[in-house]
């Protein structure tokens, strides 16, 4: 399947086969593709938490505003972001830049200072959200390419999810993704229309805006 076909056929599945559970092997295969996602500093500040057992799914179902697809899918992925990636993973990040970009001591020193820079909480959060959202999109397309159905979910009780998962302060839930196989009998929704790509003019020297 080429990339054009992949992005055109992927939909947010609403009806899942309730009898399907993804295996660890298949889940890791999705992550193997997802790990090539680009990120600032190559920090990769994301984690993917897979929940499958019935009791925990019931709790996530309530946290997820009672959306039936959580229970039907039987596999819910919590996409997590680490807002402290510049402080907790500094040495590994620096080593990668030294090994693969041949940064000298001065460049590594500047990179370290940028990573460890004191930032307001909202700035750390925004940086994390941008990075992790890229990985979440890669996850959706990777799962589709391997024959699995998904639906990204941003409607859930964030603070309740943090409490339920007992997340430390620096780990934030970015979104939830239902994962599974399409229901063999129920009809899936039609693909929603998307904006057509077009350009509009701006003042000379400012380029063009595209939609």
N, C-alpha and C. Protein backbone atom coordinates (compact mmCIF):
# COMPACT_ATOMS: atom_id res chain seq x y z
N UNK A 1 0.85 -1.19 0.00
CA UNK A 1 0.00 0.00 0.00
C UNK A 1 0.88 1.25 0.00
N UNK A 2 0.65 2.16 -0.95
CA UNK A 2 1.44 3.38 -0.95
C UNK A 2 0.85 4.40 0.04
N UNK A 3 1.61 5.47 0.28
CA UNK A 3 1.20 6.42 1.32
C UNK A 3 -0.11 7.12 0.96
N UNK A 4 -0.29 7.44 -0.30
CA UNK A 4 -1.52 8.11 -0.73
C UNK A 4 -2.75 7.25 -0.41
N UNK A 5 -2.67 5.97 -0.75
CA UNK A 5 -3.79 5.07 -0.45
C UNK A 5 -4.02 4.96 1.06
N UNK A 6 -2.93 4.93 1.81
CA UNK A 6 -3.02 4.78 3.26
C UNK A 6 -3.78 5.94 3.89
N UNK A 7 -3.41 7.17 3.57
CA UNK A 7 -4.05 8.32 4.21
C UNK A 7 -5.47 8.52 3.71
N UNK A 8 -5.74 8.09 2.47
CA UNK A 8 -7.10 8.27 1.94
C UNK A 8 -8.08 7.25 2.51
N UNK A 9 -7.59 6.07 2.87
CA UNK A 9 -8.52 5.05 3.34
C UNK A 9 -8.69 5.02 4.85
N UNK A 10 -7.78 5.64 5.61
CA UNK A 10 -7.90 5.59 7.06
C UNK A 10 -9.10 6.40 7.53
N UNK A 11 -9.91 5.80 8.38
CA UNK A 11 -11.03 6.51 8.99
C UNK A 11 -10.99 6.28 10.50
N UNK A 12 -11.70 7.10 11.23
CA UNK A 12 -11.86 6.87 12.66
C UNK A 12 -12.98 5.85 12.84
N UNK A 13 -12.60 4.64 13.17
CA UNK A 13 -13.56 3.55 13.29
C UNK A 13 -14.41 3.72 14.55
N UNK A 14 -15.71 3.51 14.41
CA UNK A 14 -16.61 3.64 15.56
C UNK A 14 -17.18 2.30 16.01
N UNK A 15 -17.17 1.30 15.11
CA UNK A 15 -17.71 -0.02 15.45
C UNK A 15 -16.58 -1.05 15.39
N UNK A 16 -16.22 -1.60 16.55
CA UNK A 16 -15.10 -2.54 16.63
C UNK A 16 -15.61 -3.96 16.89
N UNK A 17 -14.79 -4.92 16.49
CA UNK A 17 -15.05 -6.32 16.80
C UNK A 17 -14.76 -6.54 18.28
N UNK A 18 -15.78 -6.81 19.11
CA UNK A 18 -15.56 -6.92 20.56
C UNK A 18 -14.80 -8.17 20.97
N UNK A 19 -14.56 -9.07 20.04
CA UNK A 19 -13.88 -10.33 20.38
C UNK A 19 -12.38 -10.29 20.08
N UNK A 20 -11.89 -9.13 19.62
CA UNK A 20 -10.48 -9.05 19.23
C UNK A 20 -9.63 -8.41 20.31
N UNK A 21 -8.48 -9.04 20.59
CA UNK A 21 -7.46 -8.47 21.47
C UNK A 21 -6.14 -8.48 20.71
N UNK A 22 -5.50 -7.35 20.64
CA UNK A 22 -4.22 -7.29 19.94
C UNK A 22 -3.14 -7.98 20.76
N UNK A 23 -2.23 -8.66 20.10
CA UNK A 23 -1.13 -9.34 20.78
C UNK A 23 0.00 -8.36 21.06
N UNK A 24 0.84 -8.71 22.00
CA UNK A 24 2.02 -7.88 22.29
C UNK A 24 2.89 -7.74 21.04
N UNK A 25 3.02 -8.84 20.30
CA UNK A 25 3.86 -8.83 19.09
C UNK A 25 3.35 -7.81 18.08
N UNK A 26 2.04 -7.81 17.84
CA UNK A 26 1.47 -6.88 16.87
C UNK A 26 1.55 -5.43 17.36
N UNK A 27 1.33 -5.25 18.67
CA UNK A 27 1.40 -3.89 19.22
C UNK A 27 2.83 -3.35 19.09
N UNK A 28 3.81 -4.19 19.37
CA UNK A 28 5.20 -3.76 19.24
C UNK A 28 5.57 -3.48 17.79
N UNK A 29 4.92 -4.18 16.86
CA UNK A 29 5.18 -3.91 15.45
C UNK A 29 4.68 -2.52 15.06
N UNK A 30 3.54 -2.12 15.62
CA UNK A 30 3.05 -0.75 15.38
C UNK A 30 4.05 0.27 15.95
N UNK A 31 4.53 0.01 17.16
CA UNK A 31 5.48 0.93 17.79
C UNK A 31 6.81 0.97 17.05
N UNK A 32 7.18 -0.15 16.44
CA UNK A 32 8.44 -0.19 15.68
C UNK A 32 8.41 0.81 14.53
N UNK A 33 7.23 0.98 13.92
CA UNK A 33 7.09 1.97 12.86
C UNK A 33 6.96 3.38 13.44
N UNK A 34 6.24 3.48 14.55
CA UNK A 34 5.98 4.79 15.16
C UNK A 34 7.26 5.45 15.64
N UNK A 35 8.24 4.66 16.03
CA UNK A 35 9.45 5.23 16.64
C UNK A 35 10.26 6.09 15.67
N UNK A 36 9.96 6.03 14.37
CA UNK A 36 10.68 6.85 13.40
C UNK A 36 10.11 8.26 13.31
N UNK A 37 9.13 8.58 14.14
CA UNK A 37 8.55 9.92 14.17
C UNK A 37 9.61 10.97 14.54
N UNK A 38 9.66 12.09 13.84
CA UNK A 38 10.60 13.15 14.22
C UNK A 38 10.17 13.84 15.50
N UNK A 39 11.12 14.40 16.21
CA UNK A 39 10.80 15.15 17.44
C UNK A 39 11.89 16.17 17.71
N UNK A 40 11.52 17.25 18.41
CA UNK A 40 12.49 18.26 18.79
C UNK A 40 13.61 17.66 19.63
N UNK A 41 14.85 17.99 19.28
CA UNK A 41 16.05 17.46 19.94
C UNK A 41 16.20 15.94 19.74
N UNK A 42 15.31 15.33 18.96
CA UNK A 42 15.21 13.86 18.89
C UNK A 42 14.98 13.30 20.29
N UNK A 43 14.19 14.02 21.08
CA UNK A 43 13.95 13.63 22.48
C UNK A 43 12.94 12.49 22.61
N UNK A 44 12.02 12.38 21.64
CA UNK A 44 11.00 11.33 21.65
C UNK A 44 10.29 11.23 23.01
N UNK A 45 9.66 12.31 23.45
CA UNK A 45 9.09 12.36 24.81
C UNK A 45 7.72 11.71 24.93
N UNK A 46 7.56 10.49 24.40
CA UNK A 46 6.25 9.85 24.41
C UNK A 46 6.32 8.42 24.91
N UNK A 47 5.18 7.96 25.38
CA UNK A 47 4.98 6.56 25.77
C UNK A 47 3.58 6.16 25.33
N UNK A 48 3.40 4.89 25.03
CA UNK A 48 2.10 4.36 24.62
C UNK A 48 1.70 3.26 25.60
N UNK A 49 0.68 3.52 26.37
CA UNK A 49 0.22 2.57 27.40
C UNK A 49 -0.99 1.81 26.87
N UNK A 50 -0.88 0.48 26.79
CA UNK A 50 -1.96 -0.36 26.28
C UNK A 50 -2.74 -0.96 27.45
N UNK A 51 -4.05 -0.74 27.45
CA UNK A 51 -4.94 -1.31 28.48
C UNK A 51 -5.93 -2.25 27.81
N UNK A 52 -6.02 -3.48 28.33
CA UNK A 52 -6.88 -4.49 27.72
C UNK A 52 -7.80 -5.21 28.71
N UNK A 53 -7.42 -5.27 29.98
CA UNK A 53 -8.23 -6.06 30.91
C UNK A 53 -9.56 -5.37 31.20
N UNK A 54 -10.58 -6.18 31.40
CA UNK A 54 -11.97 -5.70 31.48
C UNK A 54 -12.19 -4.68 32.60
N UNK A 55 -11.62 -4.94 33.77
CA UNK A 55 -11.85 -4.06 34.90
C UNK A 55 -11.29 -2.66 34.64
N UNK A 56 -10.09 -2.60 34.13
CA UNK A 56 -9.48 -1.30 33.85
C UNK A 56 -10.17 -0.61 32.67
N UNK A 57 -10.61 -1.39 31.69
CA UNK A 57 -11.34 -0.81 30.57
C UNK A 57 -12.64 -0.15 31.03
N UNK A 58 -13.31 -0.76 32.00
CA UNK A 58 -14.53 -0.18 32.53
C UNK A 58 -14.26 1.18 33.17
N UNK A 59 -13.14 1.30 33.85
CA UNK A 59 -12.79 2.57 34.48
C UNK A 59 -12.44 3.62 33.44
N UNK A 60 -11.70 3.19 32.41
CA UNK A 60 -11.36 4.13 31.34
C UNK A 60 -12.62 4.54 30.57
N UNK A 61 -13.55 3.61 30.42
CA UNK A 61 -14.84 3.89 29.77
C UNK A 61 -15.55 5.05 30.47
N UNK A 62 -15.57 5.04 31.78
CA UNK A 62 -16.22 6.13 32.53
C UNK A 62 -15.42 7.43 32.41
N UNK A 63 -14.10 7.31 32.47
CA UNK A 63 -13.25 8.49 32.31
C UNK A 63 -13.39 9.06 30.91
N UNK A 64 -13.62 8.18 29.95
CA UNK A 64 -13.77 8.59 28.55
C UNK A 64 -15.19 8.95 28.16
N UNK A 65 -15.96 9.44 29.13
CA UNK A 65 -17.31 9.96 28.88
C UNK A 65 -18.26 8.90 28.34
N UNK A 66 -18.07 7.67 28.79
CA UNK A 66 -18.97 6.56 28.46
C UNK A 66 -19.10 6.32 26.96
N UNK A 67 -18.01 6.43 26.25
CA UNK A 67 -18.02 6.18 24.81
C UNK A 67 -17.90 4.67 24.57
N UNK A 68 -18.91 4.10 23.95
CA UNK A 68 -19.03 2.65 23.81
C UNK A 68 -17.85 2.02 23.06
N UNK A 69 -17.26 2.76 22.14
CA UNK A 69 -16.18 2.17 21.35
C UNK A 69 -14.98 1.77 22.22
N UNK A 70 -14.85 2.35 23.41
CA UNK A 70 -13.75 1.96 24.31
C UNK A 70 -13.92 0.51 24.73
N UNK A 71 -15.14 0.14 25.09
CA UNK A 71 -15.40 -1.24 25.51
C UNK A 71 -15.42 -2.18 24.32
N UNK A 72 -15.99 -1.74 23.20
CA UNK A 72 -16.08 -2.61 22.03
C UNK A 72 -14.70 -2.92 21.46
N UNK A 73 -13.83 -1.93 21.43
CA UNK A 73 -12.49 -2.15 20.85
C UNK A 73 -11.71 -3.16 21.68
N UNK A 74 -11.85 -3.07 23.00
CA UNK A 74 -11.15 -3.99 23.87
C UNK A 74 -9.68 -3.69 24.04
N UNK A 75 -9.20 -2.68 23.34
CA UNK A 75 -7.79 -2.26 23.44
C UNK A 75 -7.78 -0.74 23.42
N UNK A 76 -7.37 -0.13 24.51
CA UNK A 76 -7.30 1.33 24.55
C UNK A 76 -5.85 1.73 24.80
N UNK A 77 -5.37 2.65 23.98
CA UNK A 77 -3.98 3.12 24.08
C UNK A 77 -4.00 4.53 24.65
N UNK A 78 -3.30 4.72 25.75
CA UNK A 78 -3.15 6.05 26.34
C UNK A 78 -1.82 6.61 25.87
N UNK A 79 -1.89 7.73 25.15
CA UNK A 79 -0.67 8.36 24.64
C UNK A 79 -0.19 9.38 25.67
N UNK A 80 1.00 9.15 26.18
CA UNK A 80 1.53 9.96 27.27
C UNK A 80 2.72 10.80 26.81
N UNK A 81 2.87 11.98 27.41
CA UNK A 81 3.99 12.84 27.09
C UNK A 81 4.78 13.22 28.34
N UNK A 82 6.08 13.31 28.19
CA UNK A 82 6.97 13.66 29.30
C UNK A 82 7.41 15.11 29.18
N UNK A 83 6.85 15.99 30.02
CA UNK A 83 7.17 17.42 29.93
C UNK A 83 8.57 17.73 30.44
N UNK A 84 9.20 16.78 31.11
CA UNK A 84 10.54 17.00 31.67
C UNK A 84 11.62 16.31 30.85
N UNK A 85 11.34 16.10 29.55
CA UNK A 85 12.28 15.33 28.73
C UNK A 85 13.67 15.98 28.67
N UNK A 86 13.73 17.30 28.79
CA UNK A 86 15.02 17.98 28.74
C UNK A 86 15.85 17.79 29.99
N UNK A 87 15.21 17.34 31.07
CA UNK A 87 15.94 17.13 32.32
C UNK A 87 16.14 15.65 32.64
N UNK A 88 15.23 14.81 32.16
CA UNK A 88 15.30 13.39 32.52
C UNK A 88 16.06 12.55 31.50
N UNK A 89 16.16 13.03 30.26
CA UNK A 89 16.83 12.22 29.24
C UNK A 89 17.99 12.92 28.58
N UNK A 90 18.57 13.87 29.27
CA UNK A 90 19.59 14.73 28.68
C UNK A 90 20.80 13.96 28.16
N UNK A 91 21.34 13.07 28.96
CA UNK A 91 22.58 12.39 28.59
C UNK A 91 22.42 11.53 27.34
N UNK A 92 21.30 10.82 27.26
CA UNK A 92 21.07 9.99 26.07
C UNK A 92 20.90 10.85 24.82
N UNK A 93 20.19 11.97 24.96
CA UNK A 93 20.00 12.88 23.84
C UNK A 93 21.34 13.43 23.36
N UNK A 94 22.16 13.87 24.30
CA UNK A 94 23.47 14.42 23.94
C UNK A 94 24.35 13.37 23.28
N UNK A 95 24.30 12.15 23.77
CA UNK A 95 25.11 11.07 23.19
C UNK A 95 24.72 10.82 21.74
N UNK A 96 23.41 10.85 21.47
CA UNK A 96 22.95 10.64 20.09
C UNK A 96 23.46 11.73 19.17
N UNK A 97 23.43 12.97 19.63
CA UNK A 97 23.91 14.08 18.80
C UNK A 97 25.42 14.01 18.61
N UNK A 98 26.13 13.53 19.62
CA UNK A 98 27.58 13.37 19.48
C UNK A 98 27.92 12.24 18.51
N UNK A 99 27.18 11.14 18.61
CA UNK A 99 27.48 9.95 17.79
C UNK A 99 27.02 10.10 16.35
N UNK A 100 25.84 10.68 16.14
CA UNK A 100 25.25 10.68 14.80
C UNK A 100 25.32 12.02 14.08
N UNK A 101 25.58 13.10 14.81
CA UNK A 101 25.74 14.40 14.17
C UNK A 101 27.14 14.97 14.42
N UNK A 102 27.95 14.21 15.12
CA UNK A 102 29.35 14.59 15.38
C UNK A 102 29.48 15.98 15.98
N UNK A 103 28.59 16.27 16.93
CA UNK A 103 28.67 17.55 17.64
C UNK A 103 29.94 17.59 18.47
N UNK A 104 30.64 18.73 18.41
CA UNK A 104 31.82 18.89 19.26
C UNK A 104 31.41 19.36 20.65
N UNK A 105 32.36 19.59 21.53
CA UNK A 105 32.05 19.95 22.91
C UNK A 105 31.26 21.24 23.01
N UNK A 106 31.61 22.23 22.17
CA UNK A 106 30.91 23.51 22.22
C UNK A 106 29.44 23.37 21.81
N UNK A 107 29.19 22.62 20.74
CA UNK A 107 27.82 22.42 20.29
C UNK A 107 27.02 21.61 21.31
N UNK A 108 27.67 20.61 21.89
CA UNK A 108 26.99 19.79 22.90
C UNK A 108 26.66 20.62 24.14
N UNK A 109 27.57 21.52 24.49
CA UNK A 109 27.33 22.39 25.63
C UNK A 109 26.13 23.31 25.39
N UNK A 110 26.04 23.84 24.16
CA UNK A 110 24.91 24.71 23.82
C UNK A 110 23.61 23.92 23.80
N UNK A 111 23.68 22.69 23.28
CA UNK A 111 22.49 21.84 23.22
C UNK A 111 22.02 21.48 24.63
N UNK A 112 22.96 21.17 25.50
CA UNK A 112 22.61 20.83 26.88
C UNK A 112 21.95 22.02 27.57
N UNK A 113 22.49 23.21 27.36
CA UNK A 113 21.92 24.42 27.97
C UNK A 113 20.49 24.64 27.49
N UNK A 114 20.25 24.38 26.19
CA UNK A 114 18.91 24.54 25.65
C UNK A 114 17.94 23.51 26.23
N UNK A 115 18.41 22.27 26.37
CA UNK A 115 17.57 21.22 26.94
C UNK A 115 17.19 21.51 28.39
N UNK A 116 18.15 21.98 29.15
CA UNK A 116 17.95 22.17 30.59
C UNK A 116 17.46 23.55 30.95
N UNK A 117 17.18 24.36 29.94
CA UNK A 117 16.71 25.72 30.17
C UNK A 117 15.45 25.73 31.01
N UNK A 118 15.37 26.65 31.95
CA UNK A 118 14.16 26.81 32.77
C UNK A 118 13.05 27.39 31.90
N UNK A 119 11.94 26.68 31.84
CA UNK A 119 10.81 27.13 31.04
C UNK A 119 9.55 27.14 31.90
N UNK A 120 8.65 28.04 31.58
CA UNK A 120 7.35 28.04 32.26
C UNK A 120 6.64 26.72 31.99
N UNK A 121 5.79 26.31 32.91
CA UNK A 121 5.08 25.04 32.76
C UNK A 121 4.29 24.97 31.46
N UNK A 122 3.66 26.09 31.08
CA UNK A 122 2.85 26.08 29.86
C UNK A 122 3.71 25.87 28.63
N UNK A 123 4.94 26.39 28.65
CA UNK A 123 5.82 26.20 27.50
C UNK A 123 6.28 24.75 27.41
N UNK A 124 6.62 24.15 28.55
CA UNK A 124 6.99 22.73 28.55
C UNK A 124 5.83 21.87 28.05
N UNK A 125 4.64 22.22 28.48
CA UNK A 125 3.46 21.46 28.08
C UNK A 125 3.22 21.58 26.57
N UNK A 126 3.33 22.80 26.04
CA UNK A 126 3.11 23.00 24.61
C UNK A 126 4.14 22.27 23.77
N UNK A 127 5.40 22.32 24.18
CA UNK A 127 6.45 21.61 23.46
C UNK A 127 6.16 20.11 23.44
N UNK A 128 5.73 19.59 24.57
CA UNK A 128 5.43 18.16 24.68
C UNK A 128 4.24 17.79 23.81
N UNK A 129 3.18 18.58 23.85
CA UNK A 129 1.99 18.30 23.06
C UNK A 129 2.30 18.27 21.57
N UNK A 130 3.12 19.20 21.10
CA UNK A 130 3.46 19.23 19.68
C UNK A 130 4.22 17.97 19.28
N UNK A 131 5.21 17.60 20.09
CA UNK A 131 6.01 16.42 19.79
C UNK A 131 5.17 15.14 19.83
N UNK A 132 4.38 14.99 20.88
CA UNK A 132 3.63 13.75 21.07
C UNK A 132 2.50 13.62 20.04
N UNK A 133 1.93 14.73 19.62
CA UNK A 133 0.89 14.67 18.60
C UNK A 133 1.43 14.12 17.28
N UNK A 134 2.69 14.44 16.97
CA UNK A 134 3.31 13.86 15.78
C UNK A 134 3.39 12.34 15.90
N UNK A 135 3.80 11.87 17.07
CA UNK A 135 3.91 10.43 17.29
C UNK A 135 2.55 9.74 17.26
N UNK A 136 1.53 10.41 17.79
CA UNK A 136 0.18 9.83 17.77
C UNK A 136 -0.31 9.65 16.34
N UNK A 137 -0.04 10.63 15.47
CA UNK A 137 -0.44 10.49 14.07
C UNK A 137 0.31 9.36 13.41
N UNK A 138 1.59 9.23 13.71
CA UNK A 138 2.37 8.12 13.17
C UNK A 138 1.79 6.78 13.63
N UNK A 139 1.36 6.74 14.89
CA UNK A 139 0.77 5.51 15.43
C UNK A 139 -0.50 5.14 14.65
N UNK A 140 -1.36 6.12 14.38
CA UNK A 140 -2.60 5.86 13.65
C UNK A 140 -2.32 5.29 12.26
N UNK A 141 -1.36 5.90 11.56
CA UNK A 141 -1.06 5.44 10.21
C UNK A 141 -0.33 4.10 10.22
N UNK A 142 0.52 3.90 11.21
CA UNK A 142 1.24 2.62 11.33
C UNK A 142 0.25 1.48 11.58
N UNK A 143 -0.70 1.72 12.48
CA UNK A 143 -1.71 0.71 12.78
C UNK A 143 -2.54 0.39 11.53
N UNK A 144 -2.93 1.44 10.80
CA UNK A 144 -3.71 1.24 9.58
C UNK A 144 -2.93 0.42 8.56
N UNK A 145 -1.64 0.70 8.43
CA UNK A 145 -0.83 0.00 7.43
C UNK A 145 -0.70 -1.48 7.75
N UNK A 146 -0.88 -1.85 9.01
CA UNK A 146 -0.75 -3.24 9.44
C UNK A 146 -2.11 -3.93 9.57
N UNK A 147 -3.17 -3.23 9.17
CA UNK A 147 -4.48 -3.85 9.13
C UNK A 147 -5.33 -3.67 10.37
N UNK A 148 -4.98 -2.69 11.23
CA UNK A 148 -5.75 -2.45 12.45
C UNK A 148 -6.56 -1.17 12.33
N UNK A 149 -7.65 -1.11 13.05
CA UNK A 149 -8.53 0.05 13.04
C UNK A 149 -8.27 0.89 14.29
N UNK A 150 -8.46 2.20 14.16
CA UNK A 150 -8.20 3.11 15.28
C UNK A 150 -9.22 4.24 15.31
N UNK A 151 -9.26 4.90 16.44
CA UNK A 151 -10.03 6.14 16.57
C UNK A 151 -9.37 7.00 17.66
N UNK A 152 -8.79 8.15 17.29
CA UNK A 152 -8.20 9.02 18.30
C UNK A 152 -9.29 9.70 19.12
N UNK A 153 -9.05 9.85 20.42
CA UNK A 153 -10.05 10.43 21.31
C UNK A 153 -9.41 11.50 22.18
N UNK A 154 -9.96 12.71 22.08
CA UNK A 154 -9.47 13.80 22.92
C UNK A 154 -10.50 14.23 23.96
N UNK A 155 -11.66 13.55 23.94
CA UNK A 155 -12.69 13.84 24.92
C UNK A 155 -12.65 12.87 26.08
N UNK A 156 -12.02 13.28 27.17
CA UNK A 156 -11.96 12.45 28.38
C UNK A 156 -11.64 13.35 29.57
N UNK A 157 -11.88 12.82 30.76
CA UNK A 157 -11.63 13.59 31.97
C UNK A 157 -10.15 13.47 32.35
N UNK A 158 -9.41 14.49 31.96
CA UNK A 158 -7.95 14.42 32.06
C UNK A 158 -7.47 14.20 33.49
N UNK A 159 -7.99 14.95 34.43
CA UNK A 159 -7.50 14.84 35.81
C UNK A 159 -7.87 13.49 36.42
N UNK A 160 -9.03 12.96 36.05
CA UNK A 160 -9.40 11.64 36.55
C UNK A 160 -8.49 10.56 35.96
N UNK A 161 -8.10 10.72 34.70
CA UNK A 161 -7.20 9.75 34.08
C UNK A 161 -5.82 9.81 34.73
N UNK A 162 -5.35 11.00 35.03
CA UNK A 162 -4.06 11.15 35.71
C UNK A 162 -4.10 10.45 37.06
N UNK A 163 -5.19 10.64 37.79
CA UNK A 163 -5.34 10.02 39.10
C UNK A 163 -5.43 8.50 38.98
N UNK A 164 -6.21 8.01 38.01
CA UNK A 164 -6.39 6.58 37.83
C UNK A 164 -5.06 5.89 37.48
N UNK A 165 -4.28 6.51 36.62
CA UNK A 165 -3.01 5.93 36.20
C UNK A 165 -1.86 6.24 37.16
N UNK A 166 -2.15 7.10 38.16
CA UNK A 166 -1.13 7.50 39.14
C UNK A 166 0.10 8.07 38.44
N UNK A 167 -0.14 9.00 37.52
CA UNK A 167 0.95 9.57 36.74
C UNK A 167 1.73 10.60 37.55
N UNK A 168 3.04 10.60 37.44
CA UNK A 168 3.83 11.66 38.09
C UNK A 168 3.55 13.01 37.43
N UNK A 169 3.96 14.06 38.07
CA UNK A 169 3.61 15.41 37.63
C UNK A 169 4.09 15.72 36.21
N UNK A 170 5.22 15.14 35.81
CA UNK A 170 5.79 15.48 34.51
C UNK A 170 5.21 14.66 33.35
N UNK A 171 4.36 13.68 33.64
CA UNK A 171 3.75 12.86 32.60
C UNK A 171 2.31 13.27 32.39
N UNK A 172 1.96 13.64 31.15
CA UNK A 172 0.61 14.11 30.87
C UNK A 172 -0.06 13.21 29.82
N UNK A 173 -1.37 12.95 29.97
CA UNK A 173 -2.09 12.21 28.94
C UNK A 173 -2.46 13.14 27.79
N UNK A 174 -2.01 12.83 26.60
CA UNK A 174 -2.25 13.69 25.44
C UNK A 174 -3.52 13.30 24.71
N UNK A 175 -3.73 12.01 24.53
CA UNK A 175 -4.97 11.53 23.93
C UNK A 175 -5.12 10.03 24.20
N UNK A 176 -6.30 9.51 23.88
CA UNK A 176 -6.53 8.08 23.94
C UNK A 176 -6.84 7.61 22.52
N UNK A 177 -6.46 6.37 22.22
CA UNK A 177 -6.71 5.80 20.90
C UNK A 177 -7.33 4.42 21.07
N UNK A 178 -8.54 4.24 20.55
CA UNK A 178 -9.10 2.89 20.52
C UNK A 178 -8.44 2.14 19.37
N UNK A 179 -8.16 0.87 19.62
CA UNK A 179 -7.38 0.07 18.67
C UNK A 179 -8.00 -1.32 18.56
N UNK A 180 -8.15 -1.81 17.35
CA UNK A 180 -8.71 -3.14 17.20
C UNK A 180 -8.95 -3.51 15.76
N UNK A 181 -10.02 -4.27 15.55
CA UNK A 181 -10.44 -4.67 14.21
C UNK A 181 -11.86 -4.15 13.97
N UNK A 182 -12.18 -3.76 12.74
CA UNK A 182 -13.54 -3.30 12.46
C UNK A 182 -14.56 -4.40 12.72
N UNK A 183 -15.75 -4.01 13.15
CA UNK A 183 -16.81 -4.99 13.37
C UNK A 183 -17.16 -5.63 12.02
N UNK A 184 -17.25 -6.96 11.98
CA UNK A 184 -17.48 -7.63 10.69
C UNK A 184 -18.87 -7.40 10.10
N UNK A 185 -19.82 -6.91 10.89
CA UNK A 185 -21.19 -6.77 10.40
C UNK A 185 -21.69 -5.33 10.39
N UNK A 186 -21.26 -4.53 11.35
CA UNK A 186 -21.76 -3.16 11.44
C UNK A 186 -21.07 -2.26 10.42
N UNK A 187 -21.85 -1.39 9.82
CA UNK A 187 -21.33 -0.47 8.81
C UNK A 187 -20.56 0.68 9.47
N UNK A 188 -19.38 0.94 8.94
CA UNK A 188 -18.59 2.05 9.45
C UNK A 188 -19.08 3.37 8.85
N UNK A 189 -18.84 4.47 9.53
CA UNK A 189 -19.30 5.77 9.00
C UNK A 189 -18.53 6.16 7.74
N UNK A 190 -19.17 6.97 6.91
CA UNK A 190 -18.48 7.48 5.72
C UNK A 190 -17.37 8.42 6.16
N UNK A 191 -16.35 8.49 5.34
CA UNK A 191 -15.24 9.40 5.63
C UNK A 191 -15.74 10.84 5.56
N UNK A 192 -15.49 11.60 6.62
CA UNK A 192 -15.93 12.99 6.66
C UNK A 192 -15.17 13.81 5.63
N UNK A 193 -15.83 14.82 5.03
CA UNK A 193 -15.13 15.65 4.04
C UNK A 193 -14.02 16.46 4.69
N UNK A 194 -12.95 16.65 3.95
CA UNK A 194 -11.80 17.42 4.41
C UNK A 194 -11.67 18.69 3.57
N UNK A 195 -11.04 19.70 4.14
CA UNK A 195 -10.84 20.94 3.40
C UNK A 195 -9.99 20.69 2.17
N UNK A 196 -10.35 21.33 1.06
CA UNK A 196 -9.53 21.23 -0.14
C UNK A 196 -8.29 22.09 0.03
N UNK A 197 -7.17 21.57 -0.47
CA UNK A 197 -5.93 22.35 -0.42
C UNK A 197 -6.02 23.52 -1.38
N UNK A 198 -5.77 24.72 -0.89
CA UNK A 198 -5.81 25.90 -1.74
C UNK A 198 -4.92 26.98 -1.15
N UNK A 199 -4.54 27.90 -2.00
CA UNK A 199 -3.67 29.00 -1.57
C UNK A 199 -4.42 30.31 -1.69
N UNK A 200 -4.15 31.22 -0.77
CA UNK A 200 -4.71 32.57 -0.88
C UNK A 200 -3.55 33.55 -0.84
N UNK A 201 -3.70 34.65 -1.55
CA UNK A 201 -2.60 35.61 -1.65
C UNK A 201 -2.41 36.42 -0.38
N UNK A 202 -1.19 36.91 -0.20
CA UNK A 202 -0.88 37.84 0.87
C UNK A 202 -0.02 38.95 0.29
N UNK A 203 0.38 39.86 1.13
CA UNK A 203 1.22 40.95 0.65
C UNK A 203 2.52 40.42 0.07
N UNK A 204 3.02 41.12 -0.93
CA UNK A 204 4.26 40.69 -1.58
C UNK A 204 5.38 40.61 -0.54
N UNK A 205 6.09 39.52 -0.57
CA UNK A 205 7.19 39.33 0.38
C UNK A 205 6.81 38.49 1.58
N UNK A 206 5.50 38.29 1.76
CA UNK A 206 5.04 37.50 2.90
C UNK A 206 4.68 36.07 2.51
N UNK A 207 4.80 35.77 1.22
CA UNK A 207 4.44 34.43 0.80
C UNK A 207 2.95 34.26 0.65
N UNK A 208 2.51 32.98 0.59
CA UNK A 208 1.09 32.67 0.46
C UNK A 208 0.64 31.78 1.63
N UNK A 209 -0.60 31.93 1.98
CA UNK A 209 -1.20 31.05 3.00
C UNK A 209 -1.91 29.91 2.31
N UNK A 210 -1.77 28.74 2.89
CA UNK A 210 -2.39 27.56 2.29
C UNK A 210 -3.37 26.92 3.26
N UNK A 211 -4.46 26.41 2.71
CA UNK A 211 -5.47 25.70 3.51
C UNK A 211 -5.68 24.34 2.88
